[in-house]
Amino acid sequence: MNRLHGFAAVLVAGACAALALSSCATQPDATRSAPSDVAGESRPAYLVSPCNLGEKWDQARMLKVARYDAPDVDDSLLQIYGPVVANGSCTDADIIRWLELRRSTGESDLICRITYYDDDFSGLTYPIGCAVPVLVVTDASR
């Protein structure tokens, strides 16, 4: 009789282990139905490409100047938001540093970092405007 209880305990323990392991398995449809993943699938490559703003040395003028590479956006967005567009991966610090370099050399500092909206209902990402960081210095405590 004691042997039967031991066998039942092992059988129950094995069933519990199998159930626990099967619940940890990844379900193929589970990752596709997450709302954040659906919106991320339509996110343009523009948001993940490296920053297209920087600096370079100008041999002719013998000074450091702002470098601008073509952004990873379609031409239709350049027509809407202007000819100088920062990639979405550019940080606020990258843009502010670039702006300061442009101003120091007397060049135009107009730039646009396109702001996108992730619509969870339709699963689309689309542009809604420009954002440009501004350095603000105050005497307020931090």
C-alpha atoms as a PDB file:
ATOM      1  CA  MET A   1       0.000   0.000   0.000  1.00  0.00           C
ATOM      2  CA  ASN A   2       2.817   2.382   0.852  1.00  0.00           C
ATOM      3  CA  ARG A   3       4.422   1.608  -2.484  1.00  0.00           C
ATOM      4  CA  LEU A   4       1.228   2.682  -4.301  1.00  0.00           C
ATOM      5  CA  HIS A   5       1.217   6.071  -2.530  1.00  0.00           C
ATOM      6  CA  GLY A   6       4.876   6.642  -3.497  1.00  0.00           C
ATOM      7  CA  PHE A   7       4.124   5.814  -7.139  1.00  0.00           C
ATOM      8  CA  ALA A   8       1.131   8.188  -7.132  1.00  0.00           C
ATOM      9  CA  ALA A   9       3.243  10.972  -5.642  1.00  0.00           C
ATOM     10  CA  VAL A  10       5.895  10.535  -8.362  1.00  0.00           C
ATOM     11  CA  LEU A  11       3.199  10.481 -11.040  1.00  0.00           C
ATOM     12  CA  VAL A  12       1.593  13.678  -9.689  1.00  0.00           C
ATOM     13  CA  ALA A  13       4.985  15.409  -9.411  1.00  0.00           C
ATOM     14  CA  GLY A  14       5.826  14.453 -13.004  1.00  0.00           C
ATOM     15  CA  ALA A  15       2.490  15.764 -14.244  1.00  0.00           C
ATOM     16  CA  CYS A  16       3.014  19.056 -12.395  1.00  0.00           C
ATOM     17  CA  ALA A  17       6.515  19.433 -13.880  1.00  0.00           C
ATOM     18  CA  ALA A  18       5.218  18.721 -17.400  1.00  0.00           C
ATOM     19  CA  LEU A  19       2.423  21.255 -16.932  1.00  0.00           C
ATOM     20  CA  ALA A  20       4.834  23.895 -15.640  1.00  0.00           C
ATOM     21  CA  LEU A  21       7.224  23.366 -18.551  1.00  0.00           C
ATOM     22  CA  SER A  22       4.471  23.467 -21.155  1.00  0.00           C
ATOM     23  CA  SER A  23       3.151  26.769 -19.807  1.00  0.00           C
ATOM     24  CA  CYS A  24       6.623  28.310 -20.257  1.00  0.00           C
ATOM     25  CA  ALA A  25       6.734  27.454 -23.959  1.00  0.00           C
ATOM     26  CA  THR A  26       6.366  30.435 -26.260  1.00  0.00           C
ATOM     27  CA  GLN A  27       3.157  30.450 -28.205  1.00  0.00           C
ATOM     28  CA  PRO A  28       3.750  31.525 -31.827  1.00  0.00           C
ATOM     29  CA  ASP A  29       0.722  33.835 -31.976  1.00  0.00           C
ATOM     30  CA  ALA A  30       1.377  35.467 -28.607  1.00  0.00           C
ATOM     31  CA  THR A  31       4.209  37.709 -29.817  1.00  0.00           C
ATOM     32  CA  ARG A  32       2.352  38.844 -32.943  1.00  0.00           C
ATOM     33  CA  SER A  33      -0.741  40.031 -31.152  1.00  0.00           C
ATOM     34  CA  ALA A  34       0.970  42.458 -28.771  1.00  0.00           C
ATOM     35  CA  PRO A  35      -0.144  46.030 -29.618  1.00  0.00           C
ATOM     36  CA  SER A  36       3.320  47.531 -29.215  1.00  0.00           C
ATOM     37  CA  ASP A  37       4.804  45.023 -31.644  1.00  0.00           C
ATOM     38  CA  VAL A  38       2.165  45.741 -34.269  1.00  0.00           C
ATOM     39  CA  ALA A  39       2.855  49.472 -34.170  1.00  0.00           C
ATOM     40  CA  GLY A  40       6.615  48.826 -34.184  1.00  0.00           C
ATOM     41  CA  GLU A  41       6.448  46.717 -37.350  1.00  0.00           C
ATOM     42  CA  SER A  42       5.378  49.736 -39.393  1.00  0.00           C
ATOM     43  CA  ARG A  43       7.972  52.041 -37.833  1.00  0.00           C
ATOM     44  CA  PRO A  44      10.122  53.559 -40.592  1.00  0.00           C
ATOM     45  CA  ALA A  45      13.802  52.717 -40.865  1.00  0.00           C
ATOM     46  CA  TYR A  46      14.340  56.463 -40.326  1.00  0.00           C
ATOM     47  CA  LEU A  47      13.839  55.970 -36.592  1.00  0.00           C
ATOM     48  CA  VAL A  48      16.538  53.344 -36.195  1.00  0.00           C
ATOM     49  CA  SER A  49      19.259  54.585 -38.565  1.00  0.00           C
ATOM     50  CA  PRO A  50      22.322  56.350 -37.125  1.00  0.00           C
ATOM     51  CA  CYS A  51      22.288  60.084 -36.494  1.00  0.00           C
ATOM     52  CA  ASN A  52      22.928  62.099 -39.653  1.00  0.00           C
ATOM     53  CA  LEU A  53      24.223  65.177 -37.806  1.00  0.00           C
ATOM     54  CA  GLY A  54      27.791  65.663 -36.721  1.00  0.00           C
ATOM     55  CA  GLU A  55      30.886  67.749 -37.152  1.00  0.00           C
ATOM     56  CA  LYS A  56      33.867  67.775 -39.467  1.00  0.00           C
ATOM     57  CA  TRP A  57      37.043  69.750 -39.999  1.00  0.00           C
ATOM     58  CA  ASP A  58      36.940  72.269 -42.867  1.00  0.00           C
ATOM     59  CA  GLN A  59      40.469  72.519 -44.281  1.00  0.00           C
ATOM     60  CA  ALA A  60      39.712  75.642 -46.339  1.00  0.00           C
ATOM     61  CA  ARG A  61      38.372  77.677 -43.418  1.00  0.00           C
ATOM     62  CA  MET A  62      40.496  75.890 -40.790  1.00  0.00           C
ATOM     63  CA  LEU A  63      37.639  75.365 -38.359  1.00  0.00           C
ATOM     64  CA  LYS A  64      35.171  72.805 -37.144  1.00  0.00           C
ATOM     65  CA  VAL A  65      31.841  72.929 -39.015  1.00  0.00           C
ATOM     66  CA  ALA A  66      28.529  71.094 -38.783  1.00  0.00           C
ATOM     67  CA  ARG A  67      28.187  67.980 -40.954  1.00  0.00           C
ATOM     68  CA  TYR A  68      24.825  67.019 -42.422  1.00  0.00           C
ATOM     69  CA  ASP A  69      24.196  63.729 -44.217  1.00  0.00           C
ATOM     70  CA  ALA A  70      21.024  62.969 -46.129  1.00  0.00           C
ATOM     71  CA  PRO A  71      18.341  61.611 -43.778  1.00  0.00           C
ATOM     72  CA  ASP A  72      16.585  58.273 -44.200  1.00  0.00           C
ATOM     73  CA  VAL A  73      13.156  59.650 -45.148  1.00  0.00           C
ATOM     74  CA  ASP A  74      11.202  59.794 -48.401  1.00  0.00           C
ATOM     75  CA  ASP A  75      11.361  62.877 -50.505  1.00  0.00           C
ATOM     76  CA  SER A  76       7.692  63.618 -49.781  1.00  0.00           C
ATOM     77  CA  LEU A  77       8.565  64.178 -46.105  1.00  0.00           C
ATOM     78  CA  LEU A  78      11.408  66.519 -47.086  1.00  0.00           C
ATOM     79  CA  GLN A  79       8.919  68.552 -49.115  1.00  0.00           C
ATOM     80  CA  ILE A  80       6.624  68.803 -46.076  1.00  0.00           C
ATOM     81  CA  TYR A  81       9.158  69.333 -43.256  1.00  0.00           C
ATOM     82  CA  GLY A  82      11.977  71.131 -45.059  1.00  0.00           C
ATOM     83  CA  PRO A  83      15.302  70.190 -46.560  1.00  0.00           C
ATOM     84  CA  VAL A  84      17.123  69.656 -43.245  1.00  0.00           C
ATOM     85  CA  VAL A  85      15.743  66.711 -41.269  1.00  0.00           C
ATOM     86  CA  ALA A  86      17.454  64.923 -38.387  1.00  0.00           C
ATOM     87  CA  ASN A  87      17.109  61.151 -38.123  1.00  0.00           C
ATOM     88  CA  GLY A  88      14.973  59.911 -35.258  1.00  0.00           C
ATOM     89  CA  SER A  89      18.014  58.385 -33.585  1.00  0.00           C
ATOM     90  CA  CYS A  90      19.661  61.798 -33.078  1.00  0.00           C
ATOM     91  CA  THR A  91      19.569  62.750 -29.416  1.00  0.00           C
ATOM     92  CA  ASP A  92      18.679  66.203 -28.141  1.00  0.00           C
ATOM     93  CA  ALA A  93      22.364  66.728 -27.360  1.00  0.00           C
ATOM     94  CA  ASP A  94      23.339  65.828 -30.963  1.00  0.00           C
ATOM     95  CA  ILE A  95      20.869  68.349 -32.364  1.00  0.00           C
ATOM     96  CA  ILE A  96      21.798  71.129 -29.927  1.00  0.00           C
ATOM     97  CA  ARG A  97      25.527  70.622 -30.623  1.00  0.00           C
ATOM     98  CA  TRP A  98      24.807  70.748 -34.390  1.00  0.00           C
ATOM     99  CA  LEU A  99      22.708  73.910 -33.986  1.00  0.00           C
ATOM    100  CA  GLU A 100      25.476  75.631 -32.021  1.00  0.00           C
ATOM    101  CA  LEU A 101      28.054  74.759 -34.689  1.00  0.00           C
ATOM    102  CA  ARG A 102      25.808  76.120 -37.446  1.00  0.00           C
ATOM    103  CA  ARG A 103      25.203  79.356 -35.549  1.00  0.00           C
ATOM    104  CA  SER A 104      28.897  79.838 -34.792  1.00  0.00           C
ATOM    105  CA  THR A 105      29.741  79.690 -38.506  1.00  0.00           C
ATOM    106  CA  GLY A 106      26.827  81.946 -39.528  1.00  0.00           C
ATOM    107  CA  GLU A 107      24.869  79.181 -41.264  1.00  0.00           C
ATOM    108  CA  SER A 108      21.143  78.543 -41.052  1.00  0.00           C
ATOM    109  CA  ASP A 109      20.098  76.543 -38.032  1.00  0.00           C
ATOM    110  CA  LEU A 110      16.712  75.400 -39.344  1.00  0.00           C
ATOM    111  CA  ILE A 111      16.201  71.711 -38.685  1.00  0.00           C
ATOM    112  CA  CYS A 112      13.330  69.322 -38.067  1.00  0.00           C
ATOM    113  CA  ARG A 113      13.231  66.038 -36.194  1.00  0.00           C
ATOM    114  CA  ILE A 114      10.007  64.490 -37.445  1.00  0.00           C
ATOM    115  CA  THR A 115       7.661  63.421 -34.676  1.00  0.00           C
ATOM    116  CA  TYR A 116       5.730  60.212 -35.242  1.00  0.00           C
ATOM    117  CA  TYR A 117       2.500  58.904 -33.751  1.00  0.00           C
ATOM    118  CA  ASP A 118       1.905  55.191 -33.169  1.00  0.00           C
ATOM    119  CA  ASP A 119      -1.789  54.529 -33.716  1.00  0.00           C
ATOM    120  CA  ASP A 120      -2.578  51.390 -31.719  1.00  0.00           C
ATOM    121  CA  PHE A 121      -6.042  51.111 -33.250  1.00  0.00           C
ATOM    122  CA  SER A 122      -4.907  50.926 -36.884  1.00  0.00           C
ATOM    123  CA  GLY A 123      -1.405  49.618 -36.170  1.00  0.00           C
ATOM    124  CA  LEU A 124       0.181  52.395 -38.229  1.00  0.00           C
ATOM    125  CA  THR A 125       2.902  54.914 -37.505  1.00  0.00           C
ATOM    126  CA  TYR A 126       2.636  58.279 -39.226  1.00  0.00           C
ATOM    127  CA  PRO A 127       4.317  61.711 -38.999  1.00  0.00           C
ATOM    128  CA  ILE A 128       2.528  64.479 -37.125  1.00  0.00           C
ATOM    129  CA  GLY A 129       5.025  67.371 -37.011  1.00  0.00           C
ATOM    130  CA  CYS A 130       8.472  68.604 -36.033  1.00  0.00           C
ATOM    131  CA  ALA A 131      10.293  68.713 -32.736  1.00  0.00           C
ATOM    132  CA  VAL A 132      13.430  70.726 -32.113  1.00  0.00           C
ATOM    133  CA  PRO A 133      15.115  70.677 -28.714  1.00  0.00           C
ATOM    134  CA  VAL A 134      15.999  73.997 -27.146  1.00  0.00           C
ATOM    135  CA  LEU A 135      18.644  74.487 -24.491  1.00  0.00           C
ATOM    136  CA  VAL A 136      17.147  76.414 -21.573  1.00  0.00           C
ATOM    137  CA  VAL A 137      19.350  77.677 -18.772  1.00  0.00           C
ATOM    138  CA  THR A 138      17.765  78.998 -15.610  1.00  0.00           C
ATOM    139  CA  ASP A 139      18.959  79.793 -12.123  1.00  0.00           C
ATOM    140  CA  ALA A 140      16.422  77.400 -10.615  1.00  0.00           C
ATOM    141  CA  SER A 141      17.677  74.631  -8.370  1.00  0.00           C
ATOM    142  CA  ARG A 142      17.969  71.201  -9.871  1.00  0.00           C
END
